[in-house]
Amino acid sequence: MFITTEKDIGKEYDHTRRLYENRKEYKYVNNISVQSVCARSLYRRVQKKFTDVKWNKLGNVFETDMIGHRDVWGISDRVYALRIEEHERLFNYIKFINSS
């Protein structure tokens, strides 16, 4: 995971791919792109909630056992669910600020 802009996303994906392309014990499977209002908040929330995976030293790539192709979609669904929760929290905070 990384926080980036549309302009730099290709460079970030290439950098991540290069980290793992020569390591035979890992299979570089998929990239998931998620747009968010507050990307830093979503980034931290995913790091906290995904406790069943192993994160690399930088904390931006996680390693997990892939059982079938459905796991890629399962991970994507989990990230999108966290995105929705973060948006709800942000909008509730905005409503609170406006009411006070």
N, C-alpha and C. Protein backbone atom coordinates (compact mmCIF):
# COMPACT_ATOMS: atom_id res chain seq x y z
N MET A 1 0.84 -1.18 0.00
CA MET A 1 0.00 0.00 0.00
C MET A 1 0.88 1.23 0.00
N PHE A 2 0.44 2.20 -0.69
CA PHE A 2 1.15 3.47 -0.68
C PHE A 2 0.17 4.56 -1.03
N ILE A 3 0.48 5.73 -0.54
CA ILE A 3 -0.34 6.90 -0.83
C ILE A 3 0.33 7.61 -1.99
N THR A 4 -0.40 7.83 -3.06
CA THR A 4 0.19 8.40 -4.25
C THR A 4 -0.86 9.19 -5.03
N THR A 5 -0.42 9.78 -6.10
CA THR A 5 -1.32 10.51 -6.99
C THR A 5 -1.43 9.74 -8.31
N GLU A 6 -2.36 10.14 -9.14
CA GLU A 6 -2.52 9.48 -10.44
C GLU A 6 -1.26 9.58 -11.28
N LYS A 7 -0.54 10.67 -11.13
CA LYS A 7 0.68 10.90 -11.91
C LYS A 7 1.78 9.90 -11.53
N ASP A 8 1.89 9.55 -10.25
CA ASP A 8 2.99 8.72 -9.77
C ASP A 8 2.62 7.26 -9.55
N ILE A 9 1.39 6.86 -9.77
CA ILE A 9 0.97 5.50 -9.43
C ILE A 9 1.72 4.45 -10.24
N GLY A 10 2.01 4.72 -11.50
CA GLY A 10 2.76 3.77 -12.32
C GLY A 10 4.16 3.53 -11.79
N LYS A 11 4.83 4.60 -11.37
CA LYS A 11 6.18 4.47 -10.80
C LYS A 11 6.15 3.66 -9.50
N GLU A 12 5.13 3.89 -8.68
CA GLU A 12 5.01 3.18 -7.41
C GLU A 12 4.76 1.68 -7.64
N TYR A 13 3.91 1.35 -8.59
CA TYR A 13 3.65 -0.05 -8.92
C TYR A 13 4.91 -0.73 -9.46
N ASP A 14 5.65 -0.04 -10.32
CA ASP A 14 6.89 -0.60 -10.86
C ASP A 14 7.91 -0.85 -9.76
N HIS A 15 8.03 0.10 -8.84
CA HIS A 15 8.96 -0.06 -7.72
C HIS A 15 8.59 -1.29 -6.88
N THR A 16 7.32 -1.45 -6.58
CA THR A 16 6.87 -2.59 -5.78
C THR A 16 7.10 -3.90 -6.54
N ARG A 17 6.83 -3.92 -7.82
CA ARG A 17 7.05 -5.12 -8.63
C ARG A 17 8.52 -5.51 -8.63
N ARG A 18 9.41 -4.51 -8.77
CA ARG A 18 10.85 -4.78 -8.79
C ARG A 18 11.35 -5.35 -7.46
N LEU A 19 10.71 -4.96 -6.36
CA LEU A 19 11.12 -5.49 -5.06
C LEU A 19 10.93 -7.00 -4.98
N TYR A 20 9.91 -7.51 -5.65
CA TYR A 20 9.54 -8.91 -5.50
C TYR A 20 9.76 -9.78 -6.74
N GLU A 21 10.17 -9.21 -7.86
CA GLU A 21 10.26 -10.02 -9.07
C GLU A 21 11.38 -11.04 -9.03
N ASN A 22 12.44 -10.81 -8.30
CA ASN A 22 13.56 -11.74 -8.23
C ASN A 22 13.47 -12.71 -7.06
N ARG A 23 12.44 -12.60 -6.28
CA ARG A 23 12.28 -13.48 -5.12
C ARG A 23 11.31 -14.60 -5.49
N LYS A 24 11.86 -15.79 -5.64
CA LYS A 24 11.07 -16.93 -6.13
C LYS A 24 10.02 -17.39 -5.12
N GLU A 25 10.23 -17.13 -3.85
CA GLU A 25 9.28 -17.60 -2.84
C GLU A 25 8.00 -16.77 -2.80
N TYR A 26 8.01 -15.63 -3.50
CA TYR A 26 6.83 -14.77 -3.54
C TYR A 26 6.27 -14.70 -4.95
N LYS A 27 4.97 -14.61 -5.03
CA LYS A 27 4.31 -14.43 -6.31
C LYS A 27 3.62 -13.07 -6.29
N TYR A 28 4.05 -12.21 -7.17
CA TYR A 28 3.47 -10.87 -7.29
C TYR A 28 2.16 -11.02 -8.05
N VAL A 29 1.04 -10.81 -7.35
CA VAL A 29 -0.25 -11.17 -7.92
C VAL A 29 -1.03 -9.98 -8.44
N ASN A 30 -1.30 -9.01 -7.62
CA ASN A 30 -2.26 -8.01 -8.02
C ASN A 30 -2.00 -6.70 -7.30
N ASN A 31 -2.41 -5.62 -7.94
CA ASN A 31 -2.42 -4.30 -7.33
C ASN A 31 -3.87 -3.87 -7.17
N ILE A 32 -4.18 -3.28 -6.06
CA ILE A 32 -5.53 -2.77 -5.82
C ILE A 32 -5.42 -1.26 -5.67
N SER A 33 -6.15 -0.53 -6.48
CA SER A 33 -6.18 0.93 -6.39
C SER A 33 -7.50 1.36 -5.77
N VAL A 34 -7.41 2.18 -4.74
CA VAL A 34 -8.60 2.66 -4.04
C VAL A 34 -8.47 4.16 -3.89
N GLN A 35 -9.45 4.88 -4.40
CA GLN A 35 -9.47 6.33 -4.21
C GLN A 35 -10.18 6.62 -2.91
N SER A 36 -9.64 7.57 -2.17
CA SER A 36 -10.22 7.88 -0.87
C SER A 36 -10.12 9.37 -0.61
N VAL A 37 -11.05 9.88 0.18
CA VAL A 37 -11.03 11.29 0.55
C VAL A 37 -9.83 11.56 1.44
N CYS A 38 -9.60 10.68 2.39
CA CYS A 38 -8.46 10.81 3.31
C CYS A 38 -7.61 9.54 3.20
N ALA A 39 -6.68 9.56 2.28
CA ALA A 39 -5.88 8.37 1.99
C ALA A 39 -5.03 7.93 3.17
N ARG A 40 -4.47 8.86 3.91
CA ARG A 40 -3.61 8.51 5.05
C ARG A 40 -4.40 7.75 6.11
N SER A 41 -5.60 8.18 6.37
CA SER A 41 -6.45 7.52 7.35
C SER A 41 -6.79 6.10 6.92
N LEU A 42 -7.14 5.92 5.66
CA LEU A 42 -7.45 4.58 5.15
C LEU A 42 -6.21 3.70 5.20
N TYR A 43 -5.06 4.24 4.87
CA TYR A 43 -3.79 3.52 4.90
C TYR A 43 -3.52 2.97 6.30
N ARG A 44 -3.65 3.82 7.30
CA ARG A 44 -3.42 3.39 8.69
C ARG A 44 -4.46 2.38 9.16
N ARG A 45 -5.69 2.57 8.75
CA ARG A 45 -6.76 1.66 9.16
C ARG A 45 -6.54 0.26 8.58
N VAL A 46 -6.14 0.18 7.32
CA VAL A 46 -5.86 -1.12 6.71
C VAL A 46 -4.70 -1.79 7.42
N GLN A 47 -3.66 -1.03 7.76
CA GLN A 47 -2.53 -1.61 8.47
C GLN A 47 -2.96 -2.17 9.83
N LYS A 48 -3.88 -1.51 10.50
CA LYS A 48 -4.34 -1.98 11.81
C LYS A 48 -5.29 -3.16 11.70
N LYS A 49 -6.15 -3.16 10.70
CA LYS A 49 -7.18 -4.19 10.57
C LYS A 49 -6.67 -5.48 9.93
N PHE A 50 -5.67 -5.39 9.07
CA PHE A 50 -5.16 -6.58 8.41
C PHE A 50 -4.08 -7.22 9.29
N THR A 51 -4.50 -7.82 10.37
CA THR A 51 -3.57 -8.46 11.30
C THR A 51 -3.24 -9.89 10.90
N ASP A 52 -4.00 -10.45 9.96
CA ASP A 52 -3.78 -11.83 9.55
C ASP A 52 -2.76 -11.96 8.41
N VAL A 53 -2.11 -10.86 8.05
CA VAL A 53 -1.11 -10.87 6.98
C VAL A 53 0.22 -10.39 7.55
N LYS A 54 1.29 -10.65 6.83
CA LYS A 54 2.62 -10.21 7.25
C LYS A 54 3.02 -9.00 6.41
N TRP A 55 3.33 -7.89 7.07
CA TRP A 55 3.72 -6.65 6.38
C TRP A 55 5.22 -6.62 6.19
N ASN A 56 5.69 -6.00 5.11
CA ASN A 56 7.13 -5.85 4.91
C ASN A 56 7.68 -4.76 5.83
N LYS A 57 8.99 -4.53 5.77
CA LYS A 57 9.63 -3.57 6.67
C LYS A 57 9.12 -2.15 6.48
N LEU A 58 8.79 -1.79 5.26
CA LEU A 58 8.29 -0.44 4.99
C LEU A 58 6.83 -0.28 5.40
N GLY A 59 6.14 -1.39 5.60
CA GLY A 59 4.73 -1.33 5.99
C GLY A 59 3.80 -1.01 4.84
N ASN A 60 4.27 -1.22 3.61
CA ASN A 60 3.42 -0.87 2.47
C ASN A 60 3.02 -2.06 1.60
N VAL A 61 3.61 -3.22 1.84
CA VAL A 61 3.27 -4.43 1.09
C VAL A 61 3.03 -5.53 2.10
N PHE A 62 1.95 -6.28 1.90
CA PHE A 62 1.74 -7.40 2.80
C PHE A 62 1.78 -8.71 2.05
N GLU A 63 2.19 -9.74 2.79
CA GLU A 63 2.32 -11.07 2.22
C GLU A 63 1.27 -11.95 2.88
N THR A 64 0.60 -12.76 2.08
CA THR A 64 -0.42 -13.66 2.60
C THR A 64 -0.46 -14.91 1.74
N ASP A 65 -0.96 -15.98 2.32
CA ASP A 65 -1.15 -17.20 1.55
C ASP A 65 -2.35 -17.01 0.64
N MET A 66 -2.17 -17.27 -0.63
CA MET A 66 -3.26 -17.11 -1.60
C MET A 66 -3.84 -18.49 -1.91
N ILE A 67 -5.09 -18.65 -1.57
CA ILE A 67 -5.77 -19.91 -1.84
C ILE A 67 -6.79 -19.63 -2.93
N GLY A 68 -6.43 -19.92 -4.16
CA GLY A 68 -7.33 -19.64 -5.27
C GLY A 68 -7.31 -18.17 -5.65
N HIS A 69 -8.00 -17.86 -6.72
CA HIS A 69 -8.04 -16.48 -7.20
C HIS A 69 -9.04 -15.63 -6.44
N ARG A 70 -9.92 -16.24 -5.69
CA ARG A 70 -10.93 -15.48 -4.97
C ARG A 70 -10.33 -14.63 -3.85
N ASP A 71 -9.16 -15.00 -3.37
CA ASP A 71 -8.55 -14.24 -2.28
C ASP A 71 -8.21 -12.81 -2.70
N VAL A 72 -7.82 -12.61 -3.94
CA VAL A 72 -7.54 -11.26 -4.42
C VAL A 72 -8.79 -10.40 -4.29
N TRP A 73 -9.93 -10.96 -4.67
CA TRP A 73 -11.18 -10.22 -4.58
C TRP A 73 -11.62 -10.07 -3.13
N GLY A 74 -11.33 -11.06 -2.30
CA GLY A 74 -11.67 -10.95 -0.88
C GLY A 74 -10.90 -9.82 -0.21
N ILE A 75 -9.63 -9.71 -0.54
CA ILE A 75 -8.81 -8.62 0.01
C ILE A 75 -9.32 -7.28 -0.51
N SER A 76 -9.63 -7.22 -1.79
CA SER A 76 -10.16 -5.99 -2.37
C SER A 76 -11.47 -5.59 -1.69
N ASP A 77 -12.34 -6.55 -1.45
CA ASP A 77 -13.61 -6.26 -0.77
C ASP A 77 -13.38 -5.74 0.64
N ARG A 78 -12.41 -6.31 1.35
CA ARG A 78 -12.10 -5.84 2.70
C ARG A 78 -11.60 -4.40 2.69
N VAL A 79 -10.74 -4.07 1.73
CA VAL A 79 -10.21 -2.71 1.63
C VAL A 79 -11.33 -1.73 1.30
N TYR A 80 -12.20 -2.09 0.37
CA TYR A 80 -13.32 -1.20 0.01
C TYR A 80 -14.29 -1.02 1.18
N ALA A 81 -14.50 -2.07 1.97
CA ALA A 81 -15.36 -1.94 3.15
C ALA A 81 -14.75 -0.96 4.16
N LEU A 82 -13.44 -1.03 4.35
CA LEU A 82 -12.76 -0.09 5.24
C LEU A 82 -12.84 1.33 4.68
N ARG A 83 -12.78 1.46 3.36
CA ARG A 83 -12.91 2.78 2.72
C ARG A 83 -14.27 3.38 3.02
N ILE A 84 -15.31 2.58 2.91
CA ILE A 84 -16.67 3.07 3.20
C ILE A 84 -16.78 3.49 4.66
N GLU A 85 -16.22 2.70 5.57
CA GLU A 85 -16.24 3.06 7.00
C GLU A 85 -15.51 4.37 7.25
N GLU A 86 -14.37 4.55 6.59
CA GLU A 86 -13.60 5.79 6.76
C GLU A 86 -14.37 6.99 6.23
N HIS A 87 -15.03 6.83 5.12
CA HIS A 87 -15.84 7.94 4.57
C HIS A 87 -16.98 8.29 5.52
N GLU A 88 -17.64 7.28 6.09
CA GLU A 88 -18.71 7.54 7.05
C GLU A 88 -18.18 8.29 8.27
N ARG A 89 -17.02 7.86 8.77
CA ARG A 89 -16.43 8.53 9.93
C ARG A 89 -16.10 9.98 9.60
N LEU A 90 -15.53 10.21 8.43
CA LEU A 90 -15.16 11.56 8.03
C LEU A 90 -16.39 12.45 7.89
N PHE A 91 -17.43 11.95 7.24
CA PHE A 91 -18.63 12.76 7.04
C PHE A 91 -19.36 13.01 8.36
N ASN A 92 -19.35 12.04 9.27
CA ASN A 92 -19.93 12.26 10.59
C ASN A 92 -19.15 13.32 11.35
N TYR A 93 -17.84 13.32 11.21
CA TYR A 93 -17.01 14.34 11.86
C TYR A 93 -17.31 15.73 11.29
N ILE A 94 -17.48 15.79 9.97
CA ILE A 94 -17.82 17.07 9.33
C ILE A 94 -19.17 17.57 9.83
N LYS A 95 -20.14 16.68 9.94
CA LYS A 95 -21.46 17.06 10.47
C LYS A 95 -21.34 17.57 11.90
N PHE A 96 -20.51 16.91 12.70
CA PHE A 96 -20.31 17.33 14.09
C PHE A 96 -19.70 18.72 14.15
N ILE A 97 -18.69 18.97 13.34
CA ILE A 97 -18.03 20.27 13.32
C ILE A 97 -19.01 21.36 12.88
N ASN A 98 -19.83 21.07 11.88
CA ASN A 98 -20.80 22.05 11.40
C ASN A 98 -21.89 22.35 12.42
N SER A 99 -22.24 21.37 13.23
CA SER A 99 -23.32 21.58 14.21
C SER A 99 -22.84 22.33 15.45
N SER A 100 -21.56 22.34 15.70
CA SER A 100 -21.06 23.02 16.91
C SER A 100 -20.56 24.41 16.64
